[in-house]
Amino acid sequence: MDKVLFSLRNAFFGLKYCFSTQRNMVIHAVIGLFVLISALALAVSLTEILFLLTAIFLVLAAETFNTALEKVIDLYTQQRNKLAHIAKDIAAGAVLLTSIFAVLVGLIILGPPLWQLF
């Protein structure tokens, strides 16, 4: 049990690090919270909320992987390196892809009820 608690503590530390050092992590989380509050206010179905949660958490997970990769690359080299730069760009691209997915999910789910309001 001590190993499990130790692992959980380390995982929470990693998330705390991401939220305290990565501006985009906070931006994604705030937008995700706003989307969930909007979904509840618009009374979307439980299935739709699960899709929204999936999209939100995919973006947050991609951002944490991006941060981890950047730190590993920074550990390996502090010098400008073309391959390191490409790897960081690819990881950022993965975050962009998940963000686009999340926006599409949000538009598909929240678009119609929002359209009816206006």
N, C-alpha and C. Protein backbone atom coordinates (compact mmCIF):
# COMPACT_ATOMS: atom_id res chain seq x y z
N MET A 1 0.83 -1.20 0.00
CA MET A 1 0.00 0.00 0.00
C MET A 1 0.87 1.26 0.00
N ASP A 2 2.00 1.21 0.67
CA ASP A 2 2.89 2.36 0.70
C ASP A 2 3.39 2.70 -0.69
N LYS A 3 3.65 1.67 -1.52
CA LYS A 3 4.12 1.91 -2.88
C LYS A 3 3.04 2.60 -3.71
N VAL A 4 1.79 2.20 -3.50
CA VAL A 4 0.68 2.82 -4.23
C VAL A 4 0.56 4.28 -3.84
N LEU A 5 0.59 4.56 -2.56
CA LEU A 5 0.49 5.94 -2.08
C LEU A 5 1.67 6.78 -2.57
N PHE A 6 2.86 6.17 -2.59
CA PHE A 6 4.04 6.86 -3.10
C PHE A 6 3.87 7.20 -4.58
N SER A 7 3.36 6.24 -5.34
CA SER A 7 3.13 6.47 -6.77
C SER A 7 2.08 7.56 -7.00
N LEU A 8 1.00 7.52 -6.21
CA LEU A 8 -0.02 8.55 -6.34
C LEU A 8 0.52 9.93 -5.98
N ARG A 9 1.33 9.98 -4.93
CA ARG A 9 1.93 11.26 -4.52
C ARG A 9 2.80 11.81 -5.66
N ASN A 10 3.58 10.94 -6.28
CA ASN A 10 4.43 11.38 -7.39
C ASN A 10 3.60 11.85 -8.58
N ALA A 11 2.52 11.13 -8.86
CA ALA A 11 1.64 11.52 -9.97
C ALA A 11 1.01 12.89 -9.70
N PHE A 12 0.55 13.10 -8.49
CA PHE A 12 -0.04 14.40 -8.14
C PHE A 12 1.02 15.51 -8.20
N PHE A 13 2.25 15.19 -7.81
CA PHE A 13 3.32 16.17 -7.92
C PHE A 13 3.54 16.55 -9.38
N GLY A 14 3.51 15.55 -10.26
CA GLY A 14 3.68 15.82 -11.69
C GLY A 14 2.58 16.73 -12.22
N LEU A 15 1.34 16.46 -11.81
CA LEU A 15 0.24 17.32 -12.25
C LEU A 15 0.38 18.72 -11.67
N LYS A 16 0.77 18.80 -10.40
CA LYS A 16 0.98 20.10 -9.77
C LYS A 16 2.06 20.87 -10.52
N TYR A 17 3.13 20.19 -10.89
CA TYR A 17 4.20 20.83 -11.65
C TYR A 17 3.66 21.38 -12.97
N CYS A 18 2.90 20.57 -13.69
CA CYS A 18 2.36 21.01 -14.98
C CYS A 18 1.46 22.24 -14.80
N PHE A 19 0.57 22.18 -13.82
CA PHE A 19 -0.34 23.30 -13.62
C PHE A 19 0.37 24.57 -13.15
N SER A 20 1.46 24.40 -12.41
CA SER A 20 2.14 25.58 -11.88
C SER A 20 3.19 26.16 -12.83
N THR A 21 3.59 25.40 -13.84
CA THR A 21 4.65 25.89 -14.74
C THR A 21 4.21 26.03 -16.19
N GLN A 22 3.12 25.40 -16.56
CA GLN A 22 2.71 25.40 -17.97
C GLN A 22 1.43 26.21 -18.14
N ARG A 23 1.57 27.39 -18.69
CA ARG A 23 0.43 28.29 -18.89
C ARG A 23 -0.69 27.61 -19.69
N ASN A 24 -0.32 26.87 -20.73
CA ASN A 24 -1.33 26.23 -21.56
C ASN A 24 -2.12 25.17 -20.81
N MET A 25 -1.51 24.52 -19.84
CA MET A 25 -2.22 23.53 -19.03
C MET A 25 -3.37 24.21 -18.28
N VAL A 26 -3.08 25.36 -17.72
CA VAL A 26 -4.12 26.10 -16.99
C VAL A 26 -5.19 26.59 -17.95
N ILE A 27 -4.78 27.08 -19.10
CA ILE A 27 -5.75 27.56 -20.10
C ILE A 27 -6.68 26.43 -20.52
N HIS A 28 -6.11 25.27 -20.83
CA HIS A 28 -6.93 24.11 -21.23
C HIS A 28 -7.89 23.71 -20.11
N ALA A 29 -7.42 23.70 -18.89
CA ALA A 29 -8.27 23.30 -17.76
C ALA A 29 -9.40 24.29 -17.54
N VAL A 30 -9.12 25.57 -17.63
CA VAL A 30 -10.15 26.59 -17.43
C VAL A 30 -11.20 26.50 -18.54
N ILE A 31 -10.75 26.35 -19.76
CA ILE A 31 -11.70 26.22 -20.88
C ILE A 31 -12.53 24.94 -20.69
N GLY A 32 -11.88 23.85 -20.30
CA GLY A 32 -12.61 22.61 -20.05
C GLY A 32 -13.66 22.76 -18.98
N LEU A 33 -13.32 23.45 -17.90
CA LEU A 33 -14.28 23.69 -16.82
C LEU A 33 -15.45 24.53 -17.32
N PHE A 34 -15.15 25.56 -18.10
CA PHE A 34 -16.19 26.40 -18.68
C PHE A 34 -17.13 25.57 -19.58
N VAL A 35 -16.55 24.68 -20.38
CA VAL A 35 -17.35 23.82 -21.27
C VAL A 35 -18.25 22.91 -20.45
N LEU A 36 -17.71 22.32 -19.38
CA LEU A 36 -18.54 21.44 -18.54
C LEU A 36 -19.67 22.20 -17.85
N ILE A 37 -19.38 23.39 -17.36
CA ILE A 37 -20.43 24.20 -16.74
C ILE A 37 -21.50 24.56 -17.77
N SER A 38 -21.06 24.89 -18.98
CA SER A 38 -22.01 25.20 -20.05
C SER A 38 -22.86 23.98 -20.39
N ALA A 39 -22.23 22.82 -20.44
CA ALA A 39 -22.97 21.59 -20.74
C ALA A 39 -24.03 21.31 -19.69
N LEU A 40 -23.68 21.51 -18.43
CA LEU A 40 -24.65 21.31 -17.36
C LEU A 40 -25.77 22.34 -17.44
N ALA A 41 -25.44 23.58 -17.73
CA ALA A 41 -26.45 24.63 -17.84
C ALA A 41 -27.40 24.37 -19.01
N LEU A 42 -26.87 23.78 -20.08
CA LEU A 42 -27.68 23.50 -21.26
C LEU A 42 -28.38 22.14 -21.16
N ALA A 43 -28.15 21.43 -20.05
CA ALA A 43 -28.79 20.14 -19.78
C ALA A 43 -28.56 19.13 -20.90
N VAL A 44 -27.30 19.02 -21.35
CA VAL A 44 -27.00 17.99 -22.35
C VAL A 44 -27.03 16.62 -21.69
N SER A 45 -27.10 15.60 -22.50
CA SER A 45 -27.24 14.24 -21.96
C SER A 45 -25.95 13.77 -21.29
N LEU A 46 -26.10 12.73 -20.49
CA LEU A 46 -24.94 12.15 -19.81
C LEU A 46 -23.92 11.63 -20.82
N THR A 47 -24.39 11.03 -21.88
CA THR A 47 -23.49 10.54 -22.92
C THR A 47 -22.68 11.69 -23.53
N GLU A 48 -23.34 12.80 -23.77
CA GLU A 48 -22.64 13.95 -24.33
C GLU A 48 -21.62 14.52 -23.34
N ILE A 49 -21.97 14.53 -22.07
CA ILE A 49 -21.02 14.98 -21.05
C ILE A 49 -19.80 14.06 -21.01
N LEU A 50 -20.02 12.77 -21.18
CA LEU A 50 -18.90 11.83 -21.21
C LEU A 50 -17.99 12.10 -22.41
N PHE A 51 -18.57 12.43 -23.56
CA PHE A 51 -17.76 12.79 -24.73
C PHE A 51 -16.95 14.06 -24.45
N LEU A 52 -17.59 15.03 -23.83
CA LEU A 52 -16.88 16.27 -23.50
C LEU A 52 -15.75 16.00 -22.52
N LEU A 53 -16.02 15.20 -21.49
CA LEU A 53 -14.98 14.85 -20.51
C LEU A 53 -13.81 14.13 -21.18
N THR A 54 -14.13 13.22 -22.09
CA THR A 54 -13.08 12.50 -22.81
C THR A 54 -12.20 13.47 -23.59
N ALA A 55 -12.82 14.39 -24.29
CA ALA A 55 -12.06 15.35 -25.08
C ALA A 55 -11.21 16.25 -24.19
N ILE A 56 -11.78 16.71 -23.08
CA ILE A 56 -11.05 17.59 -22.16
C ILE A 56 -9.84 16.86 -21.57
N PHE A 57 -10.06 15.65 -21.09
CA PHE A 57 -8.95 14.92 -20.47
C PHE A 57 -7.90 14.48 -21.48
N LEU A 58 -8.30 14.24 -22.73
CA LEU A 58 -7.30 13.94 -23.76
C LEU A 58 -6.37 15.14 -23.97
N VAL A 59 -6.93 16.34 -24.00
CA VAL A 59 -6.11 17.53 -24.17
C VAL A 59 -5.16 17.69 -22.98
N LEU A 60 -5.67 17.53 -21.77
CA LEU A 60 -4.83 17.66 -20.58
C LEU A 60 -3.73 16.60 -20.56
N ALA A 61 -4.07 15.37 -20.95
CA ALA A 61 -3.06 14.31 -20.98
C ALA A 61 -2.00 14.61 -22.04
N ALA A 62 -2.43 15.10 -23.21
CA ALA A 62 -1.47 15.45 -24.26
C ALA A 62 -0.54 16.56 -23.78
N GLU A 63 -1.08 17.52 -23.06
CA GLU A 63 -0.25 18.61 -22.54
C GLU A 63 0.77 18.09 -21.52
N THR A 64 0.37 17.12 -20.69
CA THR A 64 1.33 16.58 -19.72
C THR A 64 2.42 15.78 -20.43
N PHE A 65 2.05 15.01 -21.46
CA PHE A 65 3.07 14.27 -22.22
C PHE A 65 4.02 15.24 -22.92
N ASN A 66 3.46 16.31 -23.46
CA ASN A 66 4.27 17.33 -24.12
C ASN A 66 5.28 17.92 -23.13
N THR A 67 4.82 18.24 -21.94
CA THR A 67 5.71 18.80 -20.91
C THR A 67 6.79 17.80 -20.54
N ALA A 68 6.41 16.54 -20.35
CA ALA A 68 7.39 15.51 -19.99
C ALA A 68 8.45 15.36 -21.07
N LEU A 69 8.01 15.33 -22.32
CA LEU A 69 8.96 15.20 -23.43
C LEU A 69 9.91 16.40 -23.49
N GLU A 70 9.36 17.59 -23.31
CA GLU A 70 10.21 18.78 -23.32
C GLU A 70 11.26 18.72 -22.22
N LYS A 71 10.88 18.26 -21.03
CA LYS A 71 11.82 18.19 -19.91
C LYS A 71 12.90 17.13 -20.17
N VAL A 72 12.52 16.01 -20.77
CA VAL A 72 13.51 14.98 -21.09
C VAL A 72 14.51 15.51 -22.12
N ILE A 73 14.00 16.21 -23.12
CA ILE A 73 14.89 16.78 -24.13
C ILE A 73 15.80 17.83 -23.51
N ASP A 74 15.25 18.66 -22.64
CA ASP A 74 16.07 19.68 -21.96
C ASP A 74 17.13 19.02 -21.08
N LEU A 75 16.81 17.88 -20.49
CA LEU A 75 17.78 17.14 -19.68
C LEU A 75 18.91 16.62 -20.57
N TYR A 76 18.55 16.18 -21.76
CA TYR A 76 19.53 15.61 -22.68
C TYR A 76 20.46 16.68 -23.24
N THR A 77 19.89 17.81 -23.66
CA THR A 77 20.72 18.86 -24.24
C THR A 77 20.13 20.23 -24.00
N GLN A 78 20.98 21.17 -23.65
CA GLN A 78 20.59 22.57 -23.52
C GLN A 78 20.98 23.35 -24.77
N GLN A 79 21.74 22.72 -25.63
CA GLN A 79 22.17 23.38 -26.86
C GLN A 79 21.08 23.27 -27.92
N ARG A 80 21.10 24.21 -28.86
CA ARG A 80 20.14 24.15 -29.96
C ARG A 80 20.44 22.91 -30.79
N ASN A 81 19.42 22.12 -31.00
CA ASN A 81 19.57 20.87 -31.73
C ASN A 81 18.35 20.70 -32.62
N LYS A 82 18.59 20.49 -33.90
CA LYS A 82 17.48 20.41 -34.85
C LYS A 82 16.52 19.26 -34.51
N LEU A 83 17.05 18.10 -34.17
CA LEU A 83 16.18 16.95 -33.84
C LEU A 83 15.39 17.20 -32.56
N ALA A 84 16.03 17.82 -31.57
CA ALA A 84 15.31 18.15 -30.32
C ALA A 84 14.18 19.13 -30.62
N HIS A 85 14.46 20.11 -31.47
CA HIS A 85 13.44 21.08 -31.85
C HIS A 85 12.27 20.40 -32.57
N ILE A 86 12.58 19.49 -33.47
CA ILE A 86 11.54 18.77 -34.21
C ILE A 86 10.70 17.93 -33.25
N ALA A 87 11.35 17.24 -32.31
CA ALA A 87 10.61 16.41 -31.35
C ALA A 87 9.66 17.26 -30.52
N LYS A 88 10.12 18.42 -30.07
CA LYS A 88 9.25 19.32 -29.30
C LYS A 88 8.09 19.82 -30.14
N ASP A 89 8.36 20.14 -31.40
CA ASP A 89 7.29 20.60 -32.29
C ASP A 89 6.25 19.51 -32.53
N ILE A 90 6.71 18.28 -32.68
CA ILE A 90 5.79 17.17 -32.89
C ILE A 90 4.90 16.97 -31.66
N ALA A 91 5.49 17.05 -30.48
CA ALA A 91 4.70 16.91 -29.25
C ALA A 91 3.69 18.04 -29.14
N ALA A 92 4.09 19.25 -29.49
CA ALA A 92 3.15 20.37 -29.48
C ALA A 92 2.05 20.15 -30.52
N GLY A 93 2.41 19.55 -31.64
CA GLY A 93 1.42 19.22 -32.66
C GLY A 93 0.38 18.23 -32.15
N ALA A 94 0.81 17.29 -31.32
CA ALA A 94 -0.13 16.33 -30.73
C ALA A 94 -1.13 17.06 -29.83
N VAL A 95 -0.66 18.04 -29.09
CA VAL A 95 -1.56 18.84 -28.26
C VAL A 95 -2.54 19.60 -29.15
N LEU A 96 -2.03 20.15 -30.24
CA LEU A 96 -2.90 20.88 -31.18
C LEU A 96 -3.98 19.96 -31.74
N LEU A 97 -3.60 18.74 -32.13
CA LEU A 97 -4.58 17.79 -32.67
C LEU A 97 -5.67 17.46 -31.66
N THR A 98 -5.27 17.20 -30.41
CA THR A 98 -6.29 16.88 -29.40
C THR A 98 -7.15 18.10 -29.10
N SER A 99 -6.56 19.28 -29.18
CA SER A 99 -7.34 20.51 -28.96
C SER A 99 -8.37 20.71 -30.07
N ILE A 100 -7.97 20.44 -31.30
CA ILE A 100 -8.91 20.54 -32.43
C ILE A 100 -10.04 19.53 -32.24
N PHE A 101 -9.70 18.32 -31.85
CA PHE A 101 -10.71 17.30 -31.58
C PHE A 101 -11.68 17.79 -30.50
N ALA A 102 -11.14 18.37 -29.42
CA ALA A 102 -11.99 18.85 -28.32
C ALA A 102 -12.92 19.96 -28.79
N VAL A 103 -12.41 20.86 -29.62
CA VAL A 103 -13.25 21.94 -30.13
C VAL A 103 -14.37 21.37 -31.00
N LEU A 104 -14.04 20.41 -31.85
CA LEU A 104 -15.08 19.79 -32.70
C LEU A 104 -16.14 19.10 -31.87
N VAL A 105 -15.72 18.34 -30.85
CA VAL A 105 -16.67 17.68 -29.96
C VAL A 105 -17.56 18.72 -29.28
N GLY A 106 -16.93 19.78 -28.79
CA GLY A 106 -17.69 20.83 -28.13
C GLY A 106 -18.69 21.49 -29.06
N LEU A 107 -18.28 21.77 -30.30
CA LEU A 107 -19.19 22.40 -31.26
C LEU A 107 -20.36 21.47 -31.62
N ILE A 108 -20.06 20.20 -31.79
CA ILE A 108 -21.11 19.24 -32.15
C ILE A 108 -22.12 19.09 -31.02
N ILE A 109 -21.62 19.07 -29.79
CA ILE A 109 -22.51 18.84 -28.65
C ILE A 109 -23.18 20.13 -28.18
N LEU A 110 -22.41 21.18 -28.04
CA LEU A 110 -22.96 22.42 -27.48
C LEU A 110 -23.51 23.37 -28.53
N GLY A 111 -23.10 23.19 -29.78
CA GLY A 111 -23.55 24.09 -30.84
C GLY A 111 -25.06 24.16 -30.99
N PRO A 112 -25.73 23.04 -31.18
CA PRO A 112 -27.19 23.10 -31.38
C PRO A 112 -27.95 23.74 -30.21
N PRO A 113 -27.69 23.36 -28.95
CA PRO A 113 -28.46 24.03 -27.89
C PRO A 113 -28.11 25.52 -27.76
N LEU A 114 -26.86 25.88 -28.03
CA LEU A 114 -26.50 27.29 -27.99
C LEU A 114 -27.18 28.06 -29.13
N TRP A 115 -27.25 27.43 -30.30
CA TRP A 115 -27.89 28.05 -31.46
C TRP A 115 -29.36 28.34 -31.17
N GLN A 116 -30.00 27.41 -30.45
CA GLN A 116 -31.42 27.60 -30.12
C GLN A 116 -31.62 28.76 -29.14
N LEU A 117 -30.63 29.01 -28.30
CA LEU A 117 -30.75 30.12 -27.35
C LEU A 117 -30.72 31.46 -28.05
N PHE A 118 -30.00 31.53 -29.15
CA PHE A 118 -29.85 32.81 -29.85
C PHE A 118 -30.68 32.78 -31.09
